[in-house]
Amino acid sequence: MMLVRTYVAQSEIQGLGVFAGEFVPAGSQVWVLNPKFDIFVYGEEIAALPAHMQDYLARYSYPHLEISGVRIVDCDDGKFMNHNGQPNTDFHIFDRGYALVDIAAGEEITCNYFEFDPDFQGFGPESALEVAISAMRFRHFPTEAVTSP
């Protein structure tokens, strides 16, 4: 669940993105995993969905790092947060995200998918070497995150 005011608009990174609707000071918590706003979808539920919804989940969900087979779909603007190798947020702690730098109102809020999705393979203009380096940097997850539905 986004903890700061946001809006969705066209992104220079890819398609739509989530943008700060207000100034966000560095160090501010910008997101928290909240089962009332972040839907937990179990593997057997995914398998029973129509193909177009499975495609939707593949695009807009990410794995729960503590509950095997569960994927999470954000119900708010957070689902439009785009990947950036040099993001302005930090998601090293699985169930929360913080602003790494001051984020101006109107600036796109980005994250590094490698921080919370071990299966992320990268996309776009990133070279295979850039993807491998980024993946190695973010394969170790802290144990502080304790979340369940």
Protein backbone atom coordinates (compact mmCIF):
# COMPACT_ATOMS: atom_id res chain seq x y z
CA MET A 1 0.00 0.00 0.00
CA MET A 2 1.42 3.36 -1.00
CA LEU A 3 1.90 5.63 2.02
CA VAL A 4 2.36 8.83 0.04
CA ARG A 5 0.03 10.62 -2.38
CA THR A 6 0.61 9.32 -5.92
CA TYR A 7 -0.89 9.31 -9.38
CA VAL A 8 -0.47 7.22 -12.52
CA ALA A 9 0.79 8.80 -15.75
CA GLN A 10 2.76 8.02 -18.90
CA SER A 11 6.30 6.91 -18.04
CA GLU A 12 9.50 7.46 -19.97
CA ILE A 13 10.64 4.10 -18.61
CA GLN A 14 7.76 1.91 -19.79
CA GLY A 15 4.04 2.40 -20.35
CA LEU A 16 2.48 3.82 -17.22
CA GLY A 17 4.32 4.69 -14.03
CA VAL A 18 3.53 5.89 -10.53
CA PHE A 19 4.45 9.49 -9.73
CA ALA A 20 4.75 11.38 -6.47
CA GLY A 21 1.73 13.58 -5.87
CA GLU A 22 3.61 15.40 -3.13
CA PHE A 23 7.19 16.03 -2.04
CA VAL A 24 8.65 12.90 -0.40
CA PRO A 25 11.70 13.50 1.83
CA ALA A 26 14.60 11.02 1.69
CA GLY A 27 14.16 8.30 4.31
CA SER A 28 10.36 8.46 4.28
CA GLN A 29 8.48 5.19 4.17
CA VAL A 30 6.61 5.16 0.87
CA TRP A 31 5.09 1.67 0.83
CA VAL A 32 4.08 -1.10 3.23
CA LEU A 33 2.72 -4.58 2.59
CA ASN A 34 -0.88 -4.46 3.80
CA PRO A 35 -3.12 -7.48 3.09
CA LYS A 36 -6.17 -5.20 3.01
CA PHE A 37 -4.74 -3.41 -0.06
CA ASP A 38 -2.28 -5.97 -1.40
CA ILE A 39 -4.01 -9.14 -2.57
CA PHE A 40 -2.41 -12.51 -1.84
CA VAL A 41 -3.05 -14.97 -4.68
CA TYR A 42 -2.17 -18.62 -4.12
CA GLY A 43 -0.70 -20.90 -6.78
CA GLU A 44 -3.78 -23.11 -7.06
CA GLU A 45 -5.93 -20.00 -7.54
CA ILE A 46 -3.67 -18.75 -10.33
CA ALA A 47 -3.86 -22.08 -12.14
CA ALA A 48 -7.68 -21.91 -12.10
CA LEU A 49 -7.84 -18.41 -13.62
CA PRO A 50 -8.52 -17.71 -17.31
CA ALA A 51 -5.40 -17.19 -19.42
CA HIS A 52 -5.85 -13.40 -19.65
CA MET A 53 -5.91 -13.10 -15.83
CA GLN A 54 -2.84 -15.31 -15.53
CA ASP A 55 -1.14 -12.90 -17.94
CA TYR A 56 -2.29 -9.97 -15.77
CA LEU A 57 -0.80 -11.59 -12.67
CA ALA A 58 2.43 -12.33 -14.49
CA ARG A 59 2.76 -8.64 -15.31
CA TYR A 60 1.48 -6.95 -12.13
CA SER A 61 2.34 -9.33 -9.30
CA TYR A 62 5.47 -10.34 -7.46
CA PRO A 63 6.28 -13.31 -5.22
CA HIS A 64 5.73 -13.26 -1.47
CA LEU A 65 9.21 -14.00 -0.13
CA GLU A 66 8.01 -15.79 2.99
CA ILE A 67 4.99 -17.78 1.75
CA SER A 68 5.88 -20.18 -1.04
CA GLY A 69 3.57 -20.15 -4.06
CA VAL A 70 1.90 -16.85 -3.15
CA ARG A 71 1.98 -13.84 -5.45
CA ILE A 72 0.97 -10.33 -4.43
CA VAL A 73 -0.99 -7.80 -6.48
CA ASP A 74 -1.08 -4.21 -5.27
CA CYS A 75 -4.56 -2.68 -5.46
CA ASP A 76 -3.32 0.89 -5.57
CA ASP A 77 -0.92 2.85 -7.77
CA GLY A 78 1.99 0.77 -6.47
CA LYS A 79 1.36 -1.83 -9.18
CA PHE A 80 2.59 0.74 -11.71
CA MET A 81 6.00 1.23 -10.05
CA ASN A 82 8.58 0.67 -12.77
CA HIS A 83 11.96 -1.03 -12.51
CA ASN A 84 15.09 1.10 -12.52
CA GLY A 85 18.66 -0.07 -11.97
CA GLN A 86 19.20 3.12 -9.97
CA PRO A 87 15.84 3.53 -8.21
CA ASN A 88 14.76 6.30 -5.89
CA THR A 89 13.34 3.78 -3.38
CA ASP A 90 14.76 0.92 -1.32
CA PHE A 91 12.87 -2.36 -0.91
CA HIS A 92 15.63 -4.43 0.75
CA ILE A 93 13.18 -5.14 3.56
CA PHE A 94 10.53 -7.16 1.78
CA ASP A 95 7.42 -5.70 3.38
CA ARG A 96 8.28 -2.00 3.19
CA GLY A 97 9.87 0.58 0.94
CA TYR A 98 11.67 3.84 1.67
CA ALA A 99 12.69 6.88 -0.37
CA LEU A 100 16.45 6.80 -0.98
CA VAL A 101 16.53 10.45 -2.01
CA ASP A 102 14.17 13.40 -1.94
CA ILE A 103 11.44 12.71 -4.49
CA ALA A 104 9.87 15.83 -5.98
CA ALA A 105 6.15 16.11 -6.64
CA GLY A 106 5.66 14.94 -10.23
CA GLU A 107 8.76 12.70 -10.21
CA GLU A 108 8.35 9.03 -11.08
CA ILE A 109 8.77 6.66 -8.13
CA THR A 110 10.89 3.68 -9.15
CA CYS A 111 12.23 0.52 -7.54
CA ASN A 112 14.67 -2.25 -8.37
CA TYR A 113 12.67 -5.43 -9.00
CA PHE A 114 15.68 -7.56 -8.05
CA GLU A 115 15.21 -6.46 -4.44
CA PHE A 116 11.94 -8.38 -4.05
CA ASP A 117 11.57 -10.69 -7.06
CA PRO A 118 14.21 -13.43 -7.23
CA ASP A 119 12.85 -14.56 -10.62
CA PHE A 120 13.11 -11.15 -12.29
CA GLN A 121 15.23 -11.45 -15.42
CA GLY A 122 15.40 -7.82 -16.46
CA PHE A 123 14.09 -6.30 -19.67
CA GLY A 124 14.55 -3.37 -21.96
CA PRO A 125 17.97 -2.03 -22.93
CA GLU A 126 19.80 -3.61 -19.98
CA SER A 127 22.68 -5.79 -21.06
CA ALA A 128 23.01 -9.34 -19.76
CA LEU A 129 25.98 -8.18 -17.67
CA GLU A 130 23.96 -5.35 -16.07
CA VAL A 131 21.16 -7.79 -15.22
CA ALA A 132 23.60 -10.29 -13.69
CA ILE A 133 25.36 -7.64 -11.58
CA SER A 134 22.10 -6.19 -10.32
CA ALA A 135 20.73 -9.66 -9.53
CA MET A 136 23.84 -10.57 -7.53
CA ARG A 137 23.59 -7.36 -5.52
CA PHE A 138 20.00 -8.02 -4.45
CA ARG A 139 19.79 -11.80 -3.94
CA HIS A 140 20.23 -11.55 -0.15
CA PHE A 141 17.01 -10.61 1.65
CA PRO A 142 16.89 -9.50 5.28
CA THR A 143 14.97 -11.58 7.78
CA GLU A 144 13.22 -8.60 9.36
CA ALA A 145 10.23 -8.94 7.07
CA VAL A 146 7.50 -10.94 8.75
CA THR A 147 4.22 -10.72 6.89
CA SER A 148 1.30 -13.01 6.29
CA PRO A 149 -2.22 -12.63 4.95
